[in-house]
Amino acid sequence: DAIVSLTPEGFSELIDKGMIIKRAIMEKHELKHPFE
């Protein structure tokens, strides 16, 4: 789905897309731990 390679050769793209996805999901979802 993300069009990435899970190998050392894909290292830089994994970082870039991983952070883009993380930030997009953080904007969409508010996470609430049950106790902390």
Full PDB file with SEQRES, HELIX, SHEET, SSBOND, CRYST1, ORIGX, SCALE, CONECT and MASTER records, all heavy atoms in Angstrom:
SEQRES   1 A   36  ASP ALA ILE VAL SER LEU THR PRO GLU GLY PHE SER GLU          
SEQRES   2 A   36  LEU ILE ASP LYS GLY MET ILE ILE LYS ARG ALA ILE MET          
SEQRES   3 A   36  GLU LYS HIS GLU LEU LYS HIS PRO PHE GLU                      
HELIX    1 AA1 PRO A    8  GLY A   10  5                                   3    
HELIX    2 AA2 PHE A   11  LYS A   28  1                                  18    
CRYST1    1.000    1.000    1.000  90.00  90.00  90.00 P 1           1          
ORIGX1      1.000000  0.000000  0.000000        0.00000                         
ORIGX2      0.000000  1.000000  0.000000        0.00000                         
ORIGX3      0.000000  0.000000  1.000000        0.00000                         
SCALE1      1.000000  0.000000  0.000000        0.00000                         
SCALE2      0.000000  1.000000  0.000000        0.00000                         
SCALE3      0.000000  0.000000  1.000000        0.00000                         
ATOM      1  N   ASP A   1       0.830  -1.208   0.000  1.00  0.00           N  
ATOM      2  CA  ASP A   1       0.000   0.000   0.000  1.00  0.00           C  
ATOM      3  C   ASP A   1       0.870   1.266   0.000  1.00  0.00           C  
ATOM      4  O   ASP A   1       0.552   2.254  -0.672  1.00  0.00           O  
ATOM      5  CB  ASP A   1      -0.923   0.022   1.211  1.00  0.00           C  
ATOM      6  CG  ASP A   1      -2.112  -0.915   1.059  1.00  0.00           C  
ATOM      7  OD1 ASP A   1      -2.244  -1.548   0.001  1.00  0.00           O  
ATOM      8  OD2 ASP A   1      -2.914  -1.025   2.016  1.00  0.00           O  
ATOM      9  N   ALA A   2       1.933   1.228   0.799  1.00  0.00           N  
ATOM     10  CA  ALA A   2       2.803   2.409   0.922  1.00  0.00           C  
ATOM     11  C   ALA A   2       3.872   2.454  -0.168  1.00  0.00           C  
ATOM     12  O   ALA A   2       4.580   3.463  -0.291  1.00  0.00           O  
ATOM     13  CB  ALA A   2       3.462   2.421   2.296  1.00  0.00           C  
ATOM     14  N   ILE A   3       3.980   1.389  -0.941  1.00  0.00           N  
ATOM     15  CA  ILE A   3       4.981   1.258  -2.013  1.00  0.00           C  
ATOM     16  C   ILE A   3       6.382   1.488  -1.445  1.00  0.00           C  
ATOM     17  O   ILE A   3       7.108   2.411  -1.840  1.00  0.00           O  
ATOM     18  CB  ILE A   3       4.697   2.208  -3.201  1.00  0.00           C  
ATOM     19  CG1 ILE A   3       3.205   2.233  -3.533  1.00  0.00           C  
ATOM     20  CG2 ILE A   3       5.505   1.809  -4.426  1.00  0.00           C  
ATOM     21  CD1 ILE A   3       2.845   3.233  -4.598  1.00  0.00           C  
ATOM     22  N   VAL A   4       6.758   0.648  -0.491  1.00  0.00           N  
ATOM     23  CA  VAL A   4       8.077   0.709   0.116  1.00  0.00           C  
ATOM     24  C   VAL A   4       8.720  -0.673   0.077  1.00  0.00           C  
ATOM     25  O   VAL A   4       8.036  -1.690  -0.031  1.00  0.00           O  
ATOM     26  CB  VAL A   4       8.021   1.206   1.578  1.00  0.00           C  
ATOM     27  CG1 VAL A   4       7.622   2.664   1.642  1.00  0.00           C  
ATOM     28  CG2 VAL A   4       7.069   0.349   2.419  1.00  0.00           C  
ATOM     29  N   SER A   5      10.045  -0.695   0.176  1.00  0.00           N  
ATOM     30  CA  SER A   5      10.812  -1.933   0.248  1.00  0.00           C  
ATOM     31  C   SER A   5      11.288  -2.137   1.670  1.00  0.00           C  
ATOM     32  O   SER A   5      11.945  -1.249   2.241  1.00  0.00           O  
ATOM     33  CB  SER A   5      12.011  -1.873  -0.694  1.00  0.00           C  
ATOM     34  OG  SER A   5      12.871  -2.979  -0.487  1.00  0.00           O  
ATOM     35  N   LEU A   6      10.986  -3.289   2.257  1.00  0.00           N  
ATOM     36  CA  LEU A   6      11.357  -3.558   3.656  1.00  0.00           C  
ATOM     37  C   LEU A   6      12.761  -4.157   3.728  1.00  0.00           C  
ATOM     38  O   LEU A   6      13.006  -5.196   4.343  1.00  0.00           O  
ATOM     39  CB  LEU A   6      10.334  -4.494   4.292  1.00  0.00           C  
ATOM     40  CG  LEU A   6       8.875  -4.046   4.223  1.00  0.00           C  
ATOM     41  CD1 LEU A   6       7.993  -4.977   5.050  1.00  0.00           C  
ATOM     42  CD2 LEU A   6       8.709  -2.603   4.668  1.00  0.00           C  
ATOM     43  N   THR A   7      13.700  -3.470   3.102  1.00  0.00           N  
ATOM     44  CA  THR A   7      15.097  -3.904   3.033  1.00  0.00           C  
ATOM     45  C   THR A   7      15.993  -2.718   3.366  1.00  0.00           C  
ATOM     46  O   THR A   7      15.543  -1.560   3.330  1.00  0.00           O  
ATOM     47  CB  THR A   7      15.445  -4.418   1.628  1.00  0.00           C  
ATOM     48  OG1 THR A   7      15.333  -3.325   0.701  1.00  0.00           O  
ATOM     49  CG2 THR A   7      14.520  -5.561   1.214  1.00  0.00           C  
ATOM     50  N   PRO A   8      17.270  -2.968   3.646  1.00  0.00           N  
ATOM     51  CA  PRO A   8      18.177  -1.844   3.894  1.00  0.00           C  
ATOM     52  C   PRO A   8      18.214  -0.825   2.759  1.00  0.00           C  
ATOM     53  O   PRO A   8      18.418   0.367   2.996  1.00  0.00           O  
ATOM     54  CB  PRO A   8      19.529  -2.540   4.081  1.00  0.00           C  
ATOM     55  CG  PRO A   8      19.181  -3.887   4.635  1.00  0.00           C  
ATOM     56  CD  PRO A   8      17.911  -4.270   3.922  1.00  0.00           C  
ATOM     57  N   GLU A   9      18.003  -1.279   1.536  1.00  0.00           N  
ATOM     58  CA  GLU A   9      18.012  -0.360   0.401  1.00  0.00           C  
ATOM     59  C   GLU A   9      16.859   0.646   0.464  1.00  0.00           C  
ATOM     60  O   GLU A   9      16.941   1.739  -0.094  1.00  0.00           O  
ATOM     61  CB  GLU A   9      17.929  -1.143  -0.913  1.00  0.00           C  
ATOM     62  CG  GLU A   9      19.176  -1.958  -1.250  1.00  0.00           C  
ATOM     63  CD  GLU A   9      19.327  -3.197  -0.370  1.00  0.00           C  
ATOM     64  OE1 GLU A   9      18.291  -3.707   0.135  1.00  0.00           O  
ATOM     65  OE2 GLU A   9      20.476  -3.659  -0.200  1.00  0.00           O  
ATOM     66  N   GLY A  10      15.778   0.274   1.158  1.00  0.00           N  
ATOM     67  CA  GLY A  10      14.624   1.166   1.288  1.00  0.00           C  
ATOM     68  C   GLY A  10      14.648   2.030   2.520  1.00  0.00           C  
ATOM     69  O   GLY A  10      13.654   2.698   2.840  1.00  0.00           O  
ATOM     70  N   PHE A  11      15.764   2.062   3.212  1.00  0.00           N  
ATOM     71  CA  PHE A  11      15.912   2.720   4.508  1.00  0.00           C  
ATOM     72  C   PHE A  11      15.378   4.155   4.517  1.00  0.00           C  
ATOM     73  O   PHE A  11      14.530   4.517   5.330  1.00  0.00           O  
ATOM     74  CB  PHE A  11      17.400   2.693   4.898  1.00  0.00           C  
ATOM     75  CG  PHE A  11      17.715   3.165   6.275  1.00  0.00           C  
ATOM     76  CD1 PHE A  11      17.644   2.296   7.356  1.00  0.00           C  
ATOM     77  CD2 PHE A  11      18.107   4.476   6.509  1.00  0.00           C  
ATOM     78  CE1 PHE A  11      17.971   2.719   8.642  1.00  0.00           C  
ATOM     79  CE2 PHE A  11      18.425   4.908   7.785  1.00  0.00           C  
ATOM     80  CZ  PHE A  11      18.355   4.021   8.852  1.00  0.00           C  
ATOM     81  N   SER A  12      15.864   4.996   3.614  1.00  0.00           N  
ATOM     82  CA  SER A  12      15.490   6.421   3.620  1.00  0.00           C  
ATOM     83  C   SER A  12      14.011   6.622   3.310  1.00  0.00           C  
ATOM     84  O   SER A  12      13.330   7.433   3.959  1.00  0.00           O  
ATOM     85  CB  SER A  12      16.348   7.188   2.609  1.00  0.00           C  
ATOM     86  OG  SER A  12      17.709   7.157   2.996  1.00  0.00           O  
ATOM     87  N   GLU A  13      13.499   5.883   2.334  1.00  0.00           N  
ATOM     88  CA  GLU A  13      12.086   6.023   1.982  1.00  0.00           C  
ATOM     89  C   GLU A  13      11.189   5.529   3.111  1.00  0.00           C  
ATOM     90  O   GLU A  13      10.105   6.101   3.351  1.00  0.00           O  
ATOM     91  CB  GLU A  13      11.780   5.261   0.695  1.00  0.00           C  
ATOM     92  CG  GLU A  13      10.377   5.530   0.169  1.00  0.00           C  
ATOM     93  CD  GLU A  13      10.117   4.887  -1.176  1.00  0.00           C  
ATOM     94  OE1 GLU A  13      10.714   3.833  -1.457  1.00  0.00           O  
ATOM     95  OE2 GLU A  13       9.316   5.439  -1.943  1.00  0.00           O  
ATOM     96  N   LEU A  14      11.617   4.491   3.821  1.00  0.00           N  
ATOM     97  CA  LEU A  14      10.853   3.996   4.962  1.00  0.00           C  
ATOM     98  C   LEU A  14      10.726   5.077   6.038  1.00  0.00           C  
ATOM     99  O   LEU A  14       9.650   5.267   6.622  1.00  0.00           O  
ATOM    100  CB  LEU A  14      11.518   2.750   5.545  1.00  0.00           C  
ATOM    101  CG  LEU A  14      11.371   1.470   4.726  1.00  0.00           C  
ATOM    102  CD1 LEU A  14      12.368   0.411   5.191  1.00  0.00           C  
ATOM    103  CD2 LEU A  14       9.948   0.931   4.814  1.00  0.00           C  
ATOM    104  N   ILE A  15      11.810   5.795   6.288  1.00  0.00           N  
ATOM    105  CA  ILE A  15      11.768   6.882   7.272  1.00  0.00           C  
ATOM    106  C   ILE A  15      10.798   7.966   6.810  1.00  0.00           C  
ATOM    107  O   ILE A  15       9.922   8.409   7.569  1.00  0.00           O  
ATOM    108  CB  ILE A  15      13.169   7.482   7.489  1.00  0.00           C  
ATOM    109  CG1 ILE A  15      14.110   6.452   8.120  1.00  0.00           C  
ATOM    110  CG2 ILE A  15      13.085   8.727   8.376  1.00  0.00           C  
ATOM    111  CD1 ILE A  15      15.562   6.903   8.182  1.00  0.00           C  
ATOM    112  N   ASP A  16      10.945   8.404   5.566  1.00  0.00           N  
ATOM    113  CA  ASP A  16      10.115   9.498   5.059  1.00  0.00           C  
ATOM    114  C   ASP A  16       8.631   9.135   5.108  1.00  0.00           C  
ATOM    115  O   ASP A  16       7.805   9.889   5.648  1.00  0.00           O  
ATOM    116  CB  ASP A  16      10.518   9.835   3.622  1.00  0.00           C  
ATOM    117  CG  ASP A  16      11.906  10.452   3.534  1.00  0.00           C  
ATOM    118  OD1 ASP A  16      12.393  10.933   4.571  1.00  0.00           O  
ATOM    119  OD2 ASP A  16      12.492  10.450   2.445  1.00  0.00           O  
ATOM    120  N   LYS A  17       8.287   7.987   4.551  1.00  0.00           N  
ATOM    121  CA  LYS A  17       6.878   7.604   4.496  1.00  0.00           C  
ATOM    122  C   LYS A  17       6.348   7.203   5.870  1.00  0.00           C  
ATOM    123  O   LYS A  17       5.178   7.453   6.186  1.00  0.00           O  
ATOM    124  CB  LYS A  17       6.681   6.491   3.476  1.00  0.00           C  
ATOM    125  CG  LYS A  17       6.854   6.969   2.035  1.00  0.00           C  
ATOM    126  CD  LYS A  17       6.476   5.908   1.017  1.00  0.00           C  
ATOM    127  CE  LYS A  17       6.521   6.475  -0.401  1.00  0.00           C  
ATOM    128  NZ  LYS A  17       6.162   5.451  -1.420  1.00  0.00           N  
ATOM    129  N   GLY A  18       7.199   6.606   6.690  1.00  0.00           N  
ATOM    130  CA  GLY A  18       6.776   6.241   8.040  1.00  0.00           C  
ATOM    131  C   GLY A  18       6.371   7.455   8.850  1.00  0.00           C  
ATOM    132  O   GLY A  18       5.355   7.440   9.560  1.00  0.00           O  
ATOM    133  N   MET A  19       7.138   8.538   8.738  1.00  0.00           N  
ATOM    134  CA  MET A  19       6.824   9.754   9.479  1.00  0.00           C  
ATOM    135  C   MET A  19       5.614  10.474   8.880  1.00  0.00           C  
ATOM    136  O   MET A  19       4.805  11.054   9.611  1.00  0.00           O  
ATOM    137  CB  MET A  19       8.045  10.682   9.506  1.00  0.00           C  
ATOM    138  CG  MET A  19       9.214  10.117  10.305  1.00  0.00           C  
ATOM    139  SD  MET A  19       8.773   9.704  12.018  1.00  0.00           S  
ATOM    140  CE  MET A  19       8.422  11.338  12.690  1.00  0.00           C  
ATOM    141  N   ILE A  20       5.471  10.446   7.564  1.00  0.00           N  
ATOM    142  CA  ILE A  20       4.282  11.052   6.933  1.00  0.00           C  
ATOM    143  C   ILE A  20       3.012  10.352   7.407  1.00  0.00           C  
ATOM    144  O   ILE A  20       2.015  10.999   7.760  1.00  0.00           O  
ATOM    145  CB  ILE A  20       4.410  10.978   5.399  1.00  0.00           C  
ATOM    146  CG1 ILE A  20       5.473  11.963   4.901  1.00  0.00           C  
ATOM    147  CG2 ILE A  20       3.065  11.274   4.724  1.00  0.00           C  
ATOM    148  CD1 ILE A  20       5.842  11.787   3.444  1.00  0.00           C  
ATOM    149  N   ILE A  21       3.053   9.016   7.409  1.00  0.00           N  
ATOM    150  CA  ILE A  21       1.886   8.246   7.863  1.00  0.00           C  
ATOM    151  C   ILE A  21       1.611   8.497   9.331  1.00  0.00           C  
ATOM    152  O   ILE A  21       0.456   8.711   9.736  1.00  0.00           O  
ATOM    153  CB  ILE A  21       2.110   6.745   7.594  1.00  0.00           C  
ATOM    154  CG1 ILE A  21       2.122   6.474   6.081  1.00  0.00           C  
ATOM    155  CG2 ILE A  21       1.025   5.905   8.278  1.00  0.00           C  
ATOM    156  CD1 ILE A  21       2.608   5.089   5.705  1.00  0.00           C  
ATOM    157  N   LYS A  22       2.647   8.499  10.144  1.00  0.00           N  
ATOM    158  CA  LYS A  22       2.475   8.729  11.587  1.00  0.00           C  
ATOM    159  C   LYS A  22       1.789  10.074  11.841  1.00  0.00           C  
ATOM    160  O   LYS A  22       0.834  10.154  12.622  1.00  0.00           O  
ATOM    161  CB  LYS A  22       3.835   8.671  12.291  1.00  0.00           C  
ATOM    162  CG  LYS A  22       3.793   8.975  13.781  1.00  0.00           C  
ATOM    163  CD  LYS A  22       5.182   8.898  14.394  1.00  0.00           C  
ATOM    164  CE  LYS A  22       5.181   9.358  15.840  1.00  0.00           C  
ATOM    165  NZ  LYS A  22       6.529   9.260  16.460  1.00  0.00           N  
ATOM    166  N   ARG A  23       2.262  11.114  11.175  1.00  0.00           N  
ATOM    167  CA  ARG A  23       1.677  12.443  11.399  1.00  0.00           C  
ATOM    168  C   ARG A  23       0.230  12.507  10.911  1.00  0.00           C  
ATOM    169  O   ARG A  23      -0.625  13.131  11.550  1.00  0.00           O  
ATOM    170  CB  ARG A  23       2.534  13.497  10.708  1.00  0.00           C  
ATOM    171  CG  ARG A  23       3.932  13.628  11.320  1.00  0.00           C  
ATOM    172  CD  ARG A  23       4.735  14.739  10.674  1.00  0.00           C  
ATOM    173  NE  ARG A  23       6.104  14.749  11.190  1.00  0.00           N  
ATOM    174  CZ  ARG A  23       7.183  14.460  10.474  1.00  0.00           C  
ATOM    175  NH1 ARG A  23       7.059  14.134   9.187  1.00  0.00           N  
ATOM    176  NH2 ARG A  23       8.382  14.496  11.014  1.00  0.00           N  
ATOM    177  N   ALA A  24      -0.056  11.849   9.780  1.00  0.00           N  
ATOM    178  CA  ALA A  24      -1.426  11.855   9.254  1.00  0.00           C  
ATOM    179  C   ALA A  24      -2.386  11.125  10.184  1.00  0.00           C  
ATOM    180  O   ALA A  24      -3.509  11.583  10.432  1.00  0.00           O  
ATOM    181  CB  ALA A  24      -1.445  11.216   7.866  1.00  0.00           C  
ATOM    182  N   ILE A  25      -1.950  10.008  10.741  1.00  0.00           N  
ATOM    183  CA  ILE A  25      -2.791   9.237  11.656  1.00  0.00           C  
ATOM    184  C   ILE A  25      -2.974   9.986  12.974  1.00  0.00           C  
ATOM    185  O   ILE A  25      -4.058   9.966  13.576  1.00  0.00           O  
ATOM    186  CB  ILE A  25      -2.193   7.837  11.893  1.00  0.00           C  
ATOM    187  CG1 ILE A  25      -2.166   7.031  10.585  1.00  0.00           C  
ATOM    188  CG2 ILE A  25      -2.987   7.086  12.953  1.00  0.00           C  
ATOM    189  CD1 ILE A  25      -3.518   6.791   9.956  1.00  0.00           C  
ATOM    190  N   MET A  26      -1.936  10.679  13.426  1.00  0.00           N  
ATOM    191  CA  MET A  26      -2.043  11.462  14.655  1.00  0.00           C  
ATOM    192  C   MET A  26      -3.090  12.568  14.511  1.00  0.00           C  
ATOM    193  O   MET A  26      -3.799  12.897  15.469  1.00  0.00           O  
ATOM    194  CB  MET A  26      -0.685  12.069  15.015  1.00  0.00           C  
ATOM    195  CG  MET A  26       0.316  11.064  15.569  1.00  0.00           C  
ATOM    196  SD  MET A  26       1.996  11.744  15.722  1.00  0.00           S  
ATOM    197  CE  MET A  26       1.752  13.044  16.923  1.00  0.00           C  
ATOM    198  N   GLU A  27      -3.186  13.148  13.316  1.00  0.00           N  
ATOM    199  CA  GLU A  27      -4.195  14.191  13.086  1.00  0.00           C  
ATOM    200  C   GLU A  27      -5.610  13.618  13.047  1.00  0.00           C  
ATOM    201  O   GLU A  27      -6.566  14.272  13.449  1.00  0.00           O  
ATOM    202  CB  GLU A  27      -3.899  14.904  11.761  1.00  0.00           C  
ATOM    203  CG  GLU A  27      -2.688  15.818  11.815  1.00  0.00           C  
ATOM    204  CD  GLU A  27      -2.487  16.561  10.507  1.00  0.00           C  
ATOM    205  OE1 GLU A  27      -3.363  16.454   9.624  1.00  0.00           O  
ATOM    206  OE2 GLU A  27      -1.448  17.252  10.379  1.00  0.00           O  
ATOM    207  N   LYS A  28      -5.727  12.376  12.604  1.00  0.00           N  
ATOM    208  CA  LYS A  28      -7.052  11.768  12.440  1.00  0.00           C  
ATOM    209  C   LYS A  28      -7.564  11.119  13.719  1.00  0.00           C  
ATOM    210  O   LYS A  28      -8.785  11.108  13.966  1.00  0.00           O  
ATOM    211  CB  LYS A  28      -6.996  10.728  11.317  1.00  0.00           C  
ATOM    212  CG  LYS A  28      -8.347  10.105  10.989  1.00  0.00           C  
ATOM    213  CD  LYS A  28      -8.264   9.150   9.814  1.00  0.00           C  
ATOM    214  CE  LYS A  28      -9.631   8.531   9.521  1.00  0.00           C  
ATOM    215  NZ  LYS A  28      -9.579   7.563   8.398  1.00  0.00           N  
ATOM    216  N   HIS A  29      -6.674  10.554  14.540  1.00  0.00           N  
ATOM    217  CA  HIS A  29      -7.100   9.784  15.713  1.00  0.00           C  
ATOM    218  C   HIS A  29      -6.522  10.361  17.004  1.00  0.00           C  
ATOM    219  O   HIS A  29      -5.333  10.671  17.073  1.00  0.00           O  
ATOM    220  CB  HIS A  29      -6.643   8.320  15.593  1.00  0.00           C  
ATOM    221  CG  HIS A  29      -7.299   7.569  14.478  1.00  0.00           C  
ATOM    222  ND1 HIS A  29      -8.541   6.990  14.599  1.00  0.00           N  
ATOM    223  CD2 HIS A  29      -6.872   7.314  13.210  1.00  0.00           C  
ATOM    224  CE1 HIS A  29      -8.852   6.389  13.461  1.00  0.00           C  
ATOM    225  NE2 HIS A  29      -7.862   6.578  12.603  1.00  0.00           N  
ATOM    226  N   GLU A  30      -7.366  10.466  18.002  1.00  0.00           N  
ATOM    227  CA  GLU A  30      -6.913  10.810  19.354  1.00  0.00           C  
ATOM    228  C   GLU A  30      -6.876   9.516  20.170  1.00  0.00           C  
ATOM    229  O   GLU A  30      -7.903   8.878  20.377  1.00  0.00           O  
ATOM    230  CB  GLU A  30      -7.854  11.818  20.007  1.00  0.00           C  
ATOM    231  CG  GLU A  30      -7.405  12.245  21.395  1.00  0.00           C  
ATOM    232  CD  GLU A  30      -8.328  13.273  22.024  1.00  0.00           C  
ATOM    233  OE1 GLU A  30      -9.285  13.707  21.354  1.00  0.00           O  
ATOM    234  OE2 GLU A  30      -8.092  13.627  23.194  1.00  0.00           O  
ATOM    235  N   LEU A  31      -5.690   9.133  20.591  1.00  0.00           N  
ATOM    236  CA  LEU A  31      -5.516   7.873  21.303  1.00  0.00           C  
ATOM    237  C   LEU A  31      -5.699   8.090  22.797  1.00  0.00           C  
ATOM    238  O   LEU A  31      -5.221   9.078  23.362  1.00  0.00           O  
ATOM    239  CB  LEU A  31      -4.133   7.294  21.015  1.00  0.00           C  
ATOM    240  CG  LEU A  31      -3.858   7.001  19.538  1.00  0.00           C  
ATOM    241  CD1 LEU A  31      -2.417   6.559  19.338  1.00  0.00           C  
ATOM    242  CD2 LEU A  31      -4.825   5.942  19.012  1.00  0.00           C  
ATOM    243  N   LYS A  32      -6.380   7.144  23.432  1.00  0.00           N  
ATOM    244  CA  LYS A  32      -6.681   7.265  24.859  1.00  0.00           C  
ATOM    245  C   LYS A  32      -6.400   5.940  25.539  1.00  0.00           C  
ATOM    246  O   LYS A  32      -7.137   4.965  25.363  1.00  0.00           O  
ATOM    247  CB  LYS A  32      -8.154   7.659  25.051  1.00  0.00           C  
ATOM    248  CG  LYS A  32      -8.584   7.828  26.500  1.00  0.00           C  
ATOM    249  CD  LYS A  32      -7.949   9.049  27.138  1.00  0.00           C  
ATOM    250  CE  LYS A  32      -8.487   9.280  28.564  1.00  0.00           C  
ATOM    251  NZ  LYS A  32      -7.791  10.375  29.248  1.00  0.00           N  
ATOM    252  N   HIS A  33      -5.317   5.882  26.316  1.00  0.00           N  
ATOM    253  CA  HIS A  33      -5.002   4.680  27.079  1.00  0.00           C  
ATOM    254  C   HIS A  33      -6.026   4.512  28.203  1.00  0.00           C  
ATOM    255  O   HIS A  33      -6.487   5.502  28.781  1.00  0.00           O  
ATOM    256  CB  HIS A  33      -3.587   4.782  27.660  1.00  0.00           C  
ATOM    257  CG  HIS A  33      -3.090   3.531  28.296  1.00  0.00           C  
ATOM    258  ND1 HIS A  33      -3.293   3.252  29.626  1.00  0.00           N  
ATOM    259  CD2 HIS A  33      -2.423   2.465  27.778  1.00  0.00           C  
ATOM    260  CE1 HIS A  33      -2.755   2.072  29.898  1.00  0.00           C  
ATOM    261  NE2 HIS A  33      -2.224   1.578  28.804  1.00  0.00           N  
ATOM    262  N   PRO A  34      -6.399   3.277  28.525  1.00  0.00           N  
ATOM    263  CA  PRO A  34      -7.434   3.067  29.543  1.00  0.00           C  
ATOM    264  C   PRO A  34      -7.105   3.638  30.920  1.00  0.00           C  
ATOM    265  O   PRO A  34      -8.016   3.989  31.681  1.00  0.00           O  
ATOM    266  CB  PRO A  34      -7.570   1.546  29.600  1.00  0.00           C  
ATOM    267  CG  PRO A  34      -7.057   1.054  28.302  1.00  0.00           C  
ATOM    268  CD  PRO A  34      -6.000   2.016  27.889  1.00  0.00           C  
ATOM    269  N   PHE A  35      -5.790   3.733  31.252  1.00  0.00           N  
ATOM    270  CA  PHE A  35      -5.447   4.096  32.625  1.00  0.00           C  
ATOM    271  C   PHE A  35      -4.394   5.197  32.748  1.00  0.00           C  
ATOM    272  O   PHE A  35      -4.353   5.880  33.764  1.00  0.00           O  
ATOM    273  CB  PHE A  35      -4.950   2.853  33.387  1.00  0.00           C  
ATOM    274  CG  PHE A  35      -5.940   1.727  33.392  1.00  0.00           C  
ATOM    275  CD1 PHE A  35      -5.729   0.597  32.620  1.00  0.00           C  
ATOM    276  CD2 PHE A  35      -7.105   1.803  34.147  1.00  0.00           C  
ATOM    277  CE1 PHE A  35      -6.642  -0.453  32.610  1.00  0.00           C  
ATOM    278  CE2 PHE A  35      -8.023   0.764  34.143  1.00  0.00           C  
ATOM    279  CZ  PHE A  35      -7.801  -0.365  33.366  1.00  0.00           C  
ATOM    280  N   GLU A  36      -3.518   5.385  31.743  1.00  0.00           N  
ATOM    281  CA  GLU A  36      -2.403   6.319  31.878  1.00  0.00           C  
ATOM    282  C   GLU A  36      -2.411   7.346  30.748  1.00  0.00           C  
ATOM    283  O   GLU A  36      -2.180   7.011  29.595  1.00  0.00           O  
ATOM    284  CB  GLU A  36      -1.062   5.561  31.878  1.00  0.00           C  
ATOM    285  CG  GLU A  36      -0.847   4.647  33.076  1.00  0.00           C  
ATOM    286  CD  GLU A  36      -0.623   5.411  34.374  1.00  0.00           C  
ATOM    287  OE1 GLU A  36      -0.501   6.657  34.331  1.00  0.00           O  
ATOM    288  OE2 GLU A  36      -0.555   4.756  35.429  1.00  0.00           O  
TER     289      GLU A  36                                                      
MASTER        0    0    0    2    0    0    0    6  288    1    0    3          
END                                                                             
